[in-house]
Amino acid sequence: MVAYDVFLADCPAPISDTWSVVVITALGSGPARYGELRAKIGGISNKMLARTLRRLAGNGLVERRELRTAPPTSDAIGALSRWAEENTDALLAARSA
């Protein structure tokens, strides 16, 4: 298996650009709707946030979830955050080993 550095541009799922890191960090506290995410980040245009979320979703790092509301809305879930929560025990065990 090849090990990739996710901070390098030639990685299959890079997070080396500034906005990807910022969005993943903003989603670290849990799911957020688009407007909430944009307000939390600040300084990011609608176009750049949409592009960044699409790229992260395409790489499996963020998941878009449709909400049953009127009008229809969606939120983004940080896949890395969810994975970390689900694997906390294994991570802690690996640290202490």
C-alpha atoms as a PDB file:
ATOM      1  CA  MET A   1       0.000   0.000   0.000  1.00  0.00           C
ATOM      2  CA  VAL A   2       1.297   3.445  -0.922  1.00  0.00           C
ATOM      3  CA  ALA A   3       1.271   6.083   1.801  1.00  0.00           C
ATOM      4  CA  TYR A   4       0.253   9.543   0.641  1.00  0.00           C
ATOM      5  CA  ASP A   5       0.827  12.898   2.256  1.00  0.00           C
ATOM      6  CA  VAL A   6      -2.592  14.582   2.181  1.00  0.00           C
ATOM      7  CA  PHE A   7      -0.922  17.984   2.251  1.00  0.00           C
ATOM      8  CA  LEU A   8       0.800  17.471  -1.124  1.00  0.00           C
ATOM      9  CA  ALA A   9      -0.927  18.366  -4.378  1.00  0.00           C
ATOM     10  CA  ASP A  10      -0.185  14.979  -6.013  1.00  0.00           C
ATOM     11  CA  CYS A  11      -2.139  13.087  -3.340  1.00  0.00           C
ATOM     12  CA  PRO A  12      -5.340  11.472  -4.704  1.00  0.00           C
ATOM     13  CA  ALA A  13      -7.372  13.309  -2.027  1.00  0.00           C
ATOM     14  CA  PRO A  14      -5.346  16.431  -1.198  1.00  0.00           C
ATOM     15  CA  ILE A  15      -6.327  18.931   1.460  1.00  0.00           C
ATOM     16  CA  SER A  16      -3.373  21.174   0.722  1.00  0.00           C
ATOM     17  CA  ASP A  17      -5.339  24.244  -0.281  1.00  0.00           C
ATOM     18  CA  THR A  18      -6.237  26.793   2.371  1.00  0.00           C
ATOM     19  CA  TRP A  19     -10.005  26.564   2.093  1.00  0.00           C
ATOM     20  CA  SER A  20     -10.127  22.769   2.404  1.00  0.00           C
ATOM     21  CA  VAL A  21      -8.277  22.925   5.706  1.00  0.00           C
ATOM     22  CA  VAL A  22     -10.501  25.766   6.930  1.00  0.00           C
ATOM     23  CA  VAL A  23     -13.732  23.962   5.949  1.00  0.00           C
ATOM     24  CA  ILE A  24     -12.649  20.677   7.549  1.00  0.00           C
ATOM     25  CA  THR A  25     -11.704  22.558  10.711  1.00  0.00           C
ATOM     26  CA  ALA A  26     -15.049  24.379  10.745  1.00  0.00           C
ATOM     27  CA  LEU A  27     -16.870  21.050  10.416  1.00  0.00           C
ATOM     28  CA  GLY A  28     -14.873  19.615  13.307  1.00  0.00           C
ATOM     29  CA  SER A  29     -17.535  20.737  15.765  1.00  0.00           C
ATOM     30  CA  GLY A  30     -20.261  18.875  13.862  1.00  0.00           C
ATOM     31  CA  PRO A  31     -22.615  19.164  10.888  1.00  0.00           C
ATOM     32  CA  ALA A  32     -23.409  22.620   9.570  1.00  0.00           C
ATOM     33  CA  ARG A  33     -25.759  24.029   6.985  1.00  0.00           C
ATOM     34  CA  TYR A  34     -24.225  25.944   4.114  1.00  0.00           C
ATOM     35  CA  GLY A  35     -25.107  29.368   5.525  1.00  0.00           C
ATOM     36  CA  GLU A  36     -23.936  28.411   9.005  1.00  0.00           C
ATOM     37  CA  LEU A  37     -20.681  27.124   7.589  1.00  0.00           C
ATOM     38  CA  ARG A  38     -20.114  30.282   5.558  1.00  0.00           C
ATOM     39  CA  ALA A  39     -20.830  32.474   8.599  1.00  0.00           C
ATOM     40  CA  LYS A  40     -18.525  30.382  10.786  1.00  0.00           C
ATOM     41  CA  ILE A  41     -15.664  30.638   8.294  1.00  0.00           C
ATOM     42  CA  GLY A  42     -16.051  34.263   7.213  1.00  0.00           C
ATOM     43  CA  GLY A  43     -14.213  35.740   4.250  1.00  0.00           C
ATOM     44  CA  ILE A  44     -15.050  32.922   1.835  1.00  0.00           C
ATOM     45  CA  SER A  45     -17.174  33.578  -1.234  1.00  0.00           C
ATOM     46  CA  ASN A  46     -20.208  31.455  -2.087  1.00  0.00           C
ATOM     47  CA  LYS A  47     -18.424  30.187  -5.193  1.00  0.00           C
ATOM     48  CA  MET A  48     -15.284  29.133  -3.310  1.00  0.00           C
ATOM     49  CA  LEU A  49     -17.228  27.448  -0.499  1.00  0.00           C
ATOM     50  CA  ALA A  50     -19.364  25.517  -2.992  1.00  0.00           C
ATOM     51  CA  ARG A  51     -16.278  24.493  -4.991  1.00  0.00           C
ATOM     52  CA  THR A  52     -14.413  23.427  -1.844  1.00  0.00           C
ATOM     53  CA  LEU A  53     -17.361  21.405  -0.516  1.00  0.00           C
ATOM     54  CA  ARG A  54     -17.780  19.660  -3.891  1.00  0.00           C
ATOM     55  CA  ARG A  55     -14.066  18.786  -3.985  1.00  0.00           C
ATOM     56  CA  LEU A  56     -14.079  17.496  -0.404  1.00  0.00           C
ATOM     57  CA  ALA A  57     -17.253  15.487  -1.054  1.00  0.00           C
ATOM     58  CA  GLY A  58     -15.749  14.038  -4.226  1.00  0.00           C
ATOM     59  CA  ASN A  59     -12.752  12.879  -2.191  1.00  0.00           C
ATOM     60  CA  GLY A  60     -14.976  11.378   0.510  1.00  0.00           C
ATOM     61  CA  LEU A  61     -13.899  13.855   3.179  1.00  0.00           C
ATOM     62  CA  VAL A  62     -17.261  15.614   3.490  1.00  0.00           C
ATOM     63  CA  GLU A  63     -20.752  14.245   3.071  1.00  0.00           C
ATOM     64  CA  ARG A  64     -23.789  16.225   1.928  1.00  0.00           C
ATOM     65  CA  ARG A  65     -27.022  15.330   3.670  1.00  0.00           C
ATOM     66  CA  GLU A  66     -30.451  16.425   2.457  1.00  0.00           C
ATOM     67  CA  LEU A  67     -32.766  17.623   5.207  1.00  0.00           C
ATOM     68  CA  ARG A  68     -36.531  17.263   5.053  1.00  0.00           C
ATOM     69  CA  THR A  69     -37.480  20.863   5.615  1.00  0.00           C
ATOM     70  CA  ALA A  70     -39.497  23.467   3.820  1.00  0.00           C
ATOM     71  CA  PRO A  71     -37.774  24.877   1.848  1.00  0.00           C
ATOM     72  CA  PRO A  72     -35.419  21.934   1.187  1.00  0.00           C
ATOM     73  CA  THR A  73     -31.976  22.373   2.733  1.00  0.00           C
ATOM     74  CA  SER A  74     -28.841  20.351   3.267  1.00  0.00           C
ATOM     75  CA  ASP A  75     -25.928  20.257   5.664  1.00  0.00           C
ATOM     76  CA  ALA A  76     -22.347  19.090   5.466  1.00  0.00           C
ATOM     77  CA  ILE A  77     -20.856  16.496   7.765  1.00  0.00           C
ATOM     78  CA  GLY A  78     -17.128  16.179   8.267  1.00  0.00           C
ATOM     79  CA  ALA A  79     -16.340  12.566   7.430  1.00  0.00           C
ATOM     80  CA  LEU A  80     -12.982  12.847   9.180  1.00  0.00           C
ATOM     81  CA  SER A  81     -14.621  14.093  12.364  1.00  0.00           C
ATOM     82  CA  ARG A  82     -17.164  11.280  12.277  1.00  0.00           C
ATOM     83  CA  TRP A  83     -14.427   8.698  11.662  1.00  0.00           C
ATOM     84  CA  ALA A  84     -12.388  10.064  14.568  1.00  0.00           C
ATOM     85  CA  GLU A  85     -15.385   9.882  16.893  1.00  0.00           C
ATOM     86  CA  GLU A  86     -16.130   6.296  15.850  1.00  0.00           C
ATOM     87  CA  ASN A  87     -12.499   5.226  16.290  1.00  0.00           C
ATOM     88  CA  THR A  88     -11.523   7.155  19.416  1.00  0.00           C
ATOM     89  CA  ASP A  89     -10.908   4.010  21.474  1.00  0.00           C
ATOM     90  CA  ALA A  90      -8.604   2.532  18.837  1.00  0.00           C
ATOM     91  CA  LEU A  91      -6.744   5.829  18.467  1.00  0.00           C
ATOM     92  CA  LEU A  92      -6.209   6.126  22.216  1.00  0.00           C
ATOM     93  CA  ALA A  93      -5.065   2.504  22.425  1.00  0.00           C
ATOM     94  CA  ALA A  94      -2.566   3.081  19.616  1.00  0.00           C
ATOM     95  CA  ARG A  95      -1.186   6.151  21.377  1.00  0.00           C
ATOM     96  CA  SER A  96      -0.602   4.303  24.629  1.00  0.00           C
ATOM     97  CA  ALA A  97       1.012   1.285  22.930  1.00  0.00           C
END
